[in-house]
Amino acid sequence: MDEQEVVTEMDLVRQFKEAKDRLDKAEAEFDAAQKVYDELETWLIEVMVAKDETSTSRYEGLGHVTMRVPKLNASVVVDRQGELFEYLRSIGRGDLIKEQVHAGTLSTFVGECFDKGIVLPKFIGYYWGEKALFYPDKKSKK
């Protein structure tokens, strides 16, 4: 946008609405594409497993698909985290333990402190993020 253009608040609201509409459409298209991708990936894996193969044939001008070695993901129930820490320490793997406070948790805590009038130590940083939300006119069509 040219800086010398006169832009009214209504122009900004209109442009913001149009940008939000484009974003919403792109997100819906992404979700639909992801669903198709995931379904086809599952189907291809089923075909390769049934044939006891780890890759498809190579197709000229198209390529091929290979299966990765499955990735292992592990977790522990929050209430049992203490037991996990004890176990890891008992087998000499305390080096795996990383104690931390997640940003979302810290933000909630800081908000609670503000609500209760508690003064925070200077080493706790915070900022107020601003976000604009668009509310369409109920009479207008999308």
N, C-alpha and C. Protein backbone atom coordinates (compact mmCIF):
# COMPACT_ATOMS: atom_id res chain seq x y z
N MET A 1 0.85 -1.19 0.00
CA MET A 1 0.00 0.00 0.00
C MET A 1 0.89 1.24 0.00
N ASP A 2 0.59 2.18 -0.88
CA ASP A 2 1.35 3.42 -0.99
C ASP A 2 1.12 4.26 0.27
N GLU A 3 2.22 4.74 0.87
CA GLU A 3 2.11 5.49 2.12
C GLU A 3 1.34 6.80 1.95
N GLN A 4 1.29 7.33 0.73
CA GLN A 4 0.63 8.60 0.53
C GLN A 4 -0.87 8.45 0.28
N GLU A 5 -1.33 7.19 0.11
CA GLU A 5 -2.77 6.97 -0.05
C GLU A 5 -3.49 7.34 1.23
N VAL A 6 -4.67 7.87 1.10
CA VAL A 6 -5.49 8.14 2.27
C VAL A 6 -6.30 6.87 2.53
N VAL A 7 -6.07 6.31 3.69
CA VAL A 7 -6.75 5.07 4.04
C VAL A 7 -7.65 5.35 5.23
N THR A 8 -8.92 5.04 5.07
CA THR A 8 -9.85 5.25 6.17
C THR A 8 -9.88 4.00 7.04
N GLU A 9 -10.42 4.16 8.21
CA GLU A 9 -10.59 3.01 9.10
C GLU A 9 -11.44 1.95 8.44
N MET A 10 -12.48 2.39 7.71
CA MET A 10 -13.36 1.44 7.01
C MET A 10 -12.56 0.65 5.97
N ASP A 11 -11.64 1.33 5.25
CA ASP A 11 -10.79 0.64 4.28
C ASP A 11 -9.96 -0.44 4.97
N LEU A 12 -9.38 -0.09 6.13
CA LEU A 12 -8.57 -1.06 6.87
C LEU A 12 -9.40 -2.25 7.33
N VAL A 13 -10.61 -1.99 7.82
CA VAL A 13 -11.49 -3.07 8.26
C VAL A 13 -11.84 -3.96 7.08
N ARG A 14 -12.13 -3.36 5.92
CA ARG A 14 -12.46 -4.12 4.72
C ARG A 14 -11.28 -4.99 4.30
N GLN A 15 -10.08 -4.41 4.28
CA GLN A 15 -8.89 -5.16 3.88
C GLN A 15 -8.59 -6.27 4.88
N PHE A 16 -8.79 -5.98 6.17
CA PHE A 16 -8.56 -6.98 7.20
C PHE A 16 -9.53 -8.14 7.05
N LYS A 17 -10.81 -7.83 6.77
CA LYS A 17 -11.82 -8.86 6.55
C LYS A 17 -11.46 -9.71 5.35
N GLU A 18 -11.04 -9.08 4.25
CA GLU A 18 -10.68 -9.81 3.04
C GLU A 18 -9.48 -10.72 3.30
N ALA A 19 -8.51 -10.23 4.05
CA ALA A 19 -7.33 -11.04 4.38
C ALA A 19 -7.74 -12.24 5.25
N LYS A 20 -8.65 -12.00 6.20
CA LYS A 20 -9.12 -13.08 7.06
C LYS A 20 -9.89 -14.11 6.24
N ASP A 21 -10.72 -13.66 5.32
CA ASP A 21 -11.46 -14.59 4.45
C ASP A 21 -10.50 -15.45 3.63
N ARG A 22 -9.44 -14.82 3.08
CA ARG A 22 -8.45 -15.58 2.30
C ARG A 22 -7.73 -16.59 3.19
N LEU A 23 -7.40 -16.18 4.41
CA LEU A 23 -6.72 -17.06 5.34
C LEU A 23 -7.62 -18.24 5.71
N ASP A 24 -8.89 -17.97 6.02
CA ASP A 24 -9.83 -19.04 6.36
C ASP A 24 -9.97 -20.03 5.20
N LYS A 25 -10.05 -19.51 3.98
CA LYS A 25 -10.18 -20.38 2.80
C LYS A 25 -8.92 -21.23 2.63
N ALA A 26 -7.75 -20.62 2.80
CA ALA A 26 -6.49 -21.35 2.66
C ALA A 26 -6.38 -22.44 3.73
N GLU A 27 -6.81 -22.14 4.96
CA GLU A 27 -6.75 -23.13 6.03
C GLU A 27 -7.68 -24.30 5.73
N ALA A 28 -8.88 -24.01 5.21
CA ALA A 28 -9.82 -25.08 4.86
C ALA A 28 -9.26 -25.94 3.74
N GLU A 29 -8.64 -25.30 2.74
CA GLU A 29 -8.03 -26.04 1.65
C GLU A 29 -6.88 -26.89 2.15
N PHE A 30 -6.08 -26.35 3.07
CA PHE A 30 -4.98 -27.11 3.64
C PHE A 30 -5.50 -28.33 4.39
N ASP A 31 -6.53 -28.15 5.21
CA ASP A 31 -7.08 -29.26 5.98
C ASP A 31 -7.59 -30.36 5.06
N ALA A 32 -8.28 -29.98 3.98
CA ALA A 32 -8.79 -30.97 3.02
C ALA A 32 -7.63 -31.69 2.33
N ALA A 33 -6.60 -30.96 1.94
CA ALA A 33 -5.44 -31.57 1.28
C ALA A 33 -4.71 -32.50 2.25
N GLN A 34 -4.58 -32.10 3.51
CA GLN A 34 -3.91 -32.93 4.51
C GLN A 34 -4.66 -34.23 4.71
N LYS A 35 -6.00 -34.17 4.72
CA LYS A 35 -6.82 -35.38 4.90
C LYS A 35 -6.59 -36.35 3.75
N VAL A 36 -6.61 -35.85 2.53
CA VAL A 36 -6.38 -36.70 1.35
C VAL A 36 -4.97 -37.29 1.41
N TYR A 37 -3.98 -36.45 1.73
CA TYR A 37 -2.59 -36.91 1.83
C TYR A 37 -2.47 -38.04 2.85
N ASP A 38 -3.04 -37.84 4.04
CA ASP A 38 -2.96 -38.84 5.11
C ASP A 38 -3.63 -40.15 4.70
N GLU A 39 -4.79 -40.06 4.03
CA GLU A 39 -5.49 -41.27 3.58
C GLU A 39 -4.67 -42.02 2.54
N LEU A 40 -4.09 -41.30 1.60
CA LEU A 40 -3.28 -41.94 0.56
C LEU A 40 -2.00 -42.54 1.15
N GLU A 41 -1.41 -41.84 2.11
CA GLU A 41 -0.21 -42.37 2.76
C GLU A 41 -0.53 -43.68 3.47
N THR A 42 -1.64 -43.72 4.19
CA THR A 42 -2.06 -44.94 4.88
C THR A 42 -2.28 -46.07 3.88
N TRP A 43 -2.94 -45.76 2.79
CA TRP A 43 -3.24 -46.76 1.77
C TRP A 43 -1.94 -47.30 1.14
N LEU A 44 -1.02 -46.41 0.81
CA LEU A 44 0.27 -46.84 0.24
C LEU A 44 1.03 -47.73 1.21
N ILE A 45 1.05 -47.37 2.48
CA ILE A 45 1.75 -48.18 3.48
C ILE A 45 1.10 -49.56 3.58
N GLU A 46 -0.22 -49.60 3.57
CA GLU A 46 -0.92 -50.89 3.62
C GLU A 46 -0.54 -51.77 2.43
N VAL A 47 -0.45 -51.17 1.24
CA VAL A 47 -0.07 -51.91 0.04
C VAL A 47 1.35 -52.45 0.17
N MET A 48 2.28 -51.59 0.63
CA MET A 48 3.67 -52.04 0.77
C MET A 48 3.80 -53.13 1.82
N VAL A 49 3.10 -53.00 2.95
CA VAL A 49 3.15 -54.01 4.00
C VAL A 49 2.59 -55.33 3.49
N ALA A 50 1.46 -55.27 2.78
CA ALA A 50 0.85 -56.49 2.23
C ALA A 50 1.79 -57.21 1.27
N LYS A 51 2.60 -56.45 0.55
CA LYS A 51 3.55 -57.02 -0.40
C LYS A 51 4.91 -57.31 0.25
N ASP A 52 5.02 -57.03 1.56
CA ASP A 52 6.26 -57.21 2.31
C ASP A 52 7.42 -56.45 1.66
N GLU A 53 7.13 -55.20 1.28
CA GLU A 53 8.13 -54.33 0.65
C GLU A 53 8.25 -53.04 1.43
N THR A 54 9.40 -52.35 1.28
CA THR A 54 9.58 -51.07 1.95
C THR A 54 9.55 -49.90 0.98
N SER A 55 9.31 -50.20 -0.31
CA SER A 55 9.16 -49.11 -1.28
C SER A 55 8.31 -49.58 -2.45
N THR A 56 7.78 -48.59 -3.17
CA THR A 56 7.00 -48.89 -4.37
C THR A 56 7.96 -49.04 -5.54
N SER A 57 7.42 -49.40 -6.68
CA SER A 57 8.22 -49.41 -7.90
C SER A 57 8.58 -47.98 -8.25
N ARG A 58 9.61 -47.82 -9.07
CA ARG A 58 9.98 -46.49 -9.55
C ARG A 58 9.25 -46.24 -10.87
N TYR A 59 8.60 -45.10 -10.94
CA TYR A 59 7.82 -44.76 -12.13
C TYR A 59 8.46 -43.57 -12.82
N GLU A 60 8.81 -43.76 -14.08
CA GLU A 60 9.50 -42.72 -14.85
C GLU A 60 8.63 -41.47 -14.91
N GLY A 61 9.26 -40.35 -14.63
CA GLY A 61 8.55 -39.07 -14.65
C GLY A 61 7.69 -38.84 -13.43
N LEU A 62 7.64 -39.81 -12.51
CA LEU A 62 6.80 -39.68 -11.33
C LEU A 62 7.60 -39.88 -10.05
N GLY A 63 8.34 -40.97 -9.97
CA GLY A 63 9.14 -41.26 -8.78
C GLY A 63 8.66 -42.49 -8.07
N HIS A 64 8.94 -42.56 -6.78
CA HIS A 64 8.54 -43.71 -5.98
C HIS A 64 8.34 -43.29 -4.53
N VAL A 65 7.84 -44.21 -3.74
CA VAL A 65 7.59 -43.94 -2.32
C VAL A 65 8.32 -45.01 -1.50
N THR A 66 8.97 -44.58 -0.45
CA THR A 66 9.59 -45.54 0.47
C THR A 66 9.01 -45.34 1.87
N MET A 67 9.05 -46.40 2.66
CA MET A 67 8.60 -46.32 4.04
C MET A 67 9.79 -46.04 4.95
N ARG A 68 9.64 -45.09 5.82
CA ARG A 68 10.68 -44.84 6.83
C ARG A 68 10.53 -45.86 7.95
N VAL A 69 11.62 -46.05 8.66
CA VAL A 69 11.54 -46.86 9.87
C VAL A 69 10.62 -46.09 10.82
N PRO A 70 9.65 -46.75 11.43
CA PRO A 70 8.71 -46.03 12.30
C PRO A 70 9.44 -45.23 13.39
N LYS A 71 8.92 -44.05 13.67
CA LYS A 71 9.49 -43.18 14.71
C LYS A 71 8.78 -43.48 16.03
N LEU A 72 9.57 -43.74 17.05
CA LEU A 72 9.03 -44.03 18.37
C LEU A 72 8.78 -42.72 19.12
N ASN A 73 7.60 -42.58 19.71
CA ASN A 73 7.27 -41.43 20.54
C ASN A 73 6.85 -41.95 21.90
N ALA A 74 7.47 -41.48 22.95
CA ALA A 74 7.16 -41.93 24.30
C ALA A 74 6.68 -40.77 25.15
N SER A 75 5.90 -41.07 26.17
CA SER A 75 5.43 -40.03 27.08
C SER A 75 5.17 -40.65 28.44
N VAL A 76 4.91 -39.81 29.40
CA VAL A 76 4.58 -40.27 30.75
C VAL A 76 3.42 -39.42 31.25
N VAL A 77 2.52 -40.04 31.98
CA VAL A 77 1.41 -39.31 32.58
C VAL A 77 1.99 -38.32 33.58
N VAL A 78 1.51 -37.10 33.54
CA VAL A 78 2.06 -36.03 34.39
C VAL A 78 2.11 -36.45 35.86
N ASP A 79 1.07 -37.11 36.33
CA ASP A 79 1.01 -37.52 37.74
C ASP A 79 2.09 -38.54 38.10
N ARG A 80 2.67 -39.20 37.10
CA ARG A 80 3.67 -40.24 37.36
C ARG A 80 5.08 -39.77 37.00
N GLN A 81 5.23 -38.48 36.70
CA GLN A 81 6.53 -37.95 36.29
C GLN A 81 7.58 -38.13 37.38
N GLY A 82 7.20 -37.97 38.62
CA GLY A 82 8.13 -38.16 39.73
C GLY A 82 8.70 -39.57 39.75
N GLU A 83 7.82 -40.55 39.49
CA GLU A 83 8.27 -41.95 39.44
C GLU A 83 9.25 -42.16 38.30
N LEU A 84 8.96 -41.54 37.17
CA LEU A 84 9.87 -41.65 36.02
C LEU A 84 11.24 -41.07 36.38
N PHE A 85 11.25 -39.88 37.02
CA PHE A 85 12.51 -39.26 37.41
C PHE A 85 13.30 -40.18 38.36
N GLU A 86 12.61 -40.76 39.34
CA GLU A 86 13.28 -41.68 40.27
C GLU A 86 13.87 -42.87 39.52
N TYR A 87 13.08 -43.44 38.61
CA TYR A 87 13.54 -44.59 37.83
C TYR A 87 14.77 -44.24 37.02
N LEU A 88 14.72 -43.12 36.31
CA LEU A 88 15.86 -42.72 35.48
C LEU A 88 17.11 -42.50 36.33
N ARG A 89 16.94 -41.87 37.49
CA ARG A 89 18.09 -41.66 38.37
C ARG A 89 18.64 -42.99 38.88
N SER A 90 17.73 -43.94 39.18
CA SER A 90 18.16 -45.22 39.75
C SER A 90 18.96 -46.06 38.75
N ILE A 91 18.74 -45.84 37.46
CA ILE A 91 19.50 -46.60 36.45
C ILE A 91 20.63 -45.78 35.85
N GLY A 92 20.93 -44.65 36.51
CA GLY A 92 22.05 -43.83 36.06
C GLY A 92 21.77 -42.99 34.83
N ARG A 93 20.48 -42.69 34.57
CA ARG A 93 20.14 -41.87 33.40
C ARG A 93 19.46 -40.57 33.82
N GLY A 94 19.87 -40.03 34.95
CA GLY A 94 19.35 -38.74 35.40
C GLY A 94 19.65 -37.62 34.44
N ASP A 95 20.63 -37.85 33.55
CA ASP A 95 20.98 -36.83 32.54
C ASP A 95 19.83 -36.55 31.58
N LEU A 96 18.85 -37.46 31.53
CA LEU A 96 17.70 -37.26 30.63
C LEU A 96 16.68 -36.27 31.20
N ILE A 97 16.79 -35.98 32.47
CA ILE A 97 15.80 -35.15 33.14
C ILE A 97 16.10 -33.67 32.90
N LYS A 98 15.14 -32.99 32.33
CA LYS A 98 15.24 -31.55 32.08
C LYS A 98 14.03 -30.88 32.73
N GLU A 99 14.26 -30.23 33.85
CA GLU A 99 13.16 -29.56 34.52
C GLU A 99 12.99 -28.17 33.92
N GLN A 100 11.75 -27.85 33.56
CA GLN A 100 11.48 -26.56 32.92
C GLN A 100 10.04 -26.15 33.17
N VAL A 101 9.77 -24.89 32.95
CA VAL A 101 8.41 -24.37 33.04
C VAL A 101 8.05 -23.90 31.63
N HIS A 102 6.97 -24.44 31.11
CA HIS A 102 6.54 -24.06 29.76
C HIS A 102 5.98 -22.65 29.75
N ALA A 103 6.14 -21.97 28.62
CA ALA A 103 5.73 -20.57 28.50
C ALA A 103 4.25 -20.35 28.82
N GLY A 104 3.39 -21.25 28.36
CA GLY A 104 1.96 -21.11 28.62
C GLY A 104 1.64 -21.21 30.11
N THR A 105 2.32 -22.13 30.78
CA THR A 105 2.13 -22.30 32.22
C THR A 105 2.61 -21.08 32.98
N LEU A 106 3.77 -20.56 32.58
CA LEU A 106 4.31 -19.37 33.23
C LEU A 106 3.39 -18.18 33.02
N SER A 107 2.84 -18.03 31.81
CA SER A 107 1.92 -16.92 31.52
C SER A 107 0.68 -16.99 32.41
N THR A 108 0.14 -18.19 32.59
CA THR A 108 -1.03 -18.36 33.46
C THR A 108 -0.68 -17.97 34.89
N PHE A 109 0.48 -18.42 35.37
CA PHE A 109 0.94 -18.09 36.72
C PHE A 109 1.08 -16.59 36.90
N VAL A 110 1.72 -15.93 35.94
CA VAL A 110 1.93 -14.48 36.01
C VAL A 110 0.58 -13.76 36.04
N GLY A 111 -0.37 -14.22 35.22
CA GLY A 111 -1.72 -13.64 35.24
C GLY A 111 -2.38 -13.77 36.59
N GLU A 112 -2.21 -14.96 37.22
CA GLU A 112 -2.76 -15.17 38.56
C GLU A 112 -2.11 -14.22 39.57
N CYS A 113 -0.82 -14.02 39.43
CA CYS A 113 -0.12 -13.09 40.33
C CYS A 113 -0.65 -11.68 40.16
N PHE A 114 -0.87 -11.25 38.92
CA PHE A 114 -1.43 -9.92 38.67
C PHE A 114 -2.80 -9.80 39.33
N ASP A 115 -3.63 -10.83 39.16
CA ASP A 115 -4.98 -10.81 39.73
C ASP A 115 -4.95 -10.69 41.25
N LYS A 116 -3.95 -11.28 41.88
CA LYS A 116 -3.85 -11.28 43.34
C LYS A 116 -2.99 -10.14 43.87
N GLY A 117 -2.43 -9.32 42.97
CA GLY A 117 -1.59 -8.20 43.40
C GLY A 117 -0.22 -8.61 43.88
N ILE A 118 0.24 -9.77 43.48
CA ILE A 118 1.56 -10.26 43.89
C ILE A 118 2.63 -9.65 42.99
N VAL A 119 3.66 -9.08 43.61
CA VAL A 119 4.76 -8.48 42.86
C VAL A 119 5.71 -9.59 42.42
N LEU A 120 6.05 -9.59 41.16
CA LEU A 120 6.91 -10.63 40.59
C LEU A 120 8.38 -10.24 40.69
N PRO A 121 9.27 -11.23 40.82
CA PRO A 121 10.71 -10.94 40.78
C PRO A 121 11.08 -10.37 39.42
N LYS A 122 12.10 -9.56 39.37
CA LYS A 122 12.51 -8.89 38.14
C LYS A 122 12.98 -9.85 37.05
N PHE A 123 13.40 -11.06 37.42
CA PHE A 123 13.88 -11.99 36.40
C PHE A 123 12.75 -12.65 35.59
N ILE A 124 11.50 -12.43 35.99
CA ILE A 124 10.38 -12.95 35.20
C ILE A 124 9.93 -11.86 34.23
N GLY A 125 10.15 -12.10 32.97
CA GLY A 125 9.75 -11.14 31.94
C GLY A 125 8.35 -11.45 31.43
N TYR A 126 7.67 -10.44 30.95
CA TYR A 126 6.35 -10.63 30.36
C TYR A 126 6.05 -9.45 29.44
N TYR A 127 5.09 -9.65 28.59
CA TYR A 127 4.60 -8.57 27.73
C TYR A 127 3.14 -8.85 27.42
N TRP A 128 2.46 -7.82 27.02
CA TRP A 128 1.06 -7.94 26.65
C TRP A 128 0.98 -7.99 25.12
N GLY A 129 0.58 -9.11 24.58
CA GLY A 129 0.43 -9.24 23.14
C GLY A 129 -0.94 -8.75 22.72
N GLU A 130 -0.97 -8.08 21.60
CA GLU A 130 -2.25 -7.59 21.09
C GLU A 130 -2.64 -8.39 19.86
N LYS A 131 -3.93 -8.61 19.67
CA LYS A 131 -4.43 -9.36 18.53
C LYS A 131 -5.72 -8.72 18.08
N ALA A 132 -5.86 -8.58 16.78
CA ALA A 132 -7.10 -8.02 16.23
C ALA A 132 -7.99 -9.18 15.77
N LEU A 133 -9.25 -9.14 16.12
CA LEU A 133 -10.21 -10.16 15.70
C LEU A 133 -11.26 -9.52 14.83
N PHE A 134 -11.68 -10.20 13.79
CA PHE A 134 -12.71 -9.67 12.90
C PHE A 134 -14.05 -10.30 13.25
N TYR A 135 -15.06 -9.48 13.40
CA TYR A 135 -16.42 -9.95 13.64
C TYR A 135 -17.27 -9.50 12.47
N PRO A 136 -17.72 -10.40 11.63
CA PRO A 136 -18.49 -10.01 10.45
C PRO A 136 -19.84 -9.42 10.85
N ASP A 137 -20.30 -8.52 10.01
CA ASP A 137 -21.63 -7.96 10.18
C ASP A 137 -22.63 -9.10 10.01
N LYS A 138 -23.52 -9.27 10.94
CA LYS A 138 -24.46 -10.40 10.88
C LYS A 138 -25.36 -10.33 9.66
N LYS A 139 -25.53 -9.13 9.10
CA LYS A 139 -26.39 -8.97 7.93
C LYS A 139 -25.65 -9.29 6.63
N SER A 140 -24.31 -9.19 6.66
CA SER A 140 -23.55 -9.41 5.43
C SER A 140 -23.34 -10.89 5.21
N LYS A 141 -23.16 -11.25 3.94
CA LYS A 141 -22.88 -12.64 3.58
C LYS A 141 -21.39 -12.81 3.46
N LYS A 142 -20.90 -14.03 3.72
CA LYS A 142 -19.46 -14.32 3.61
C LYS A 142 -18.99 -14.25 2.20
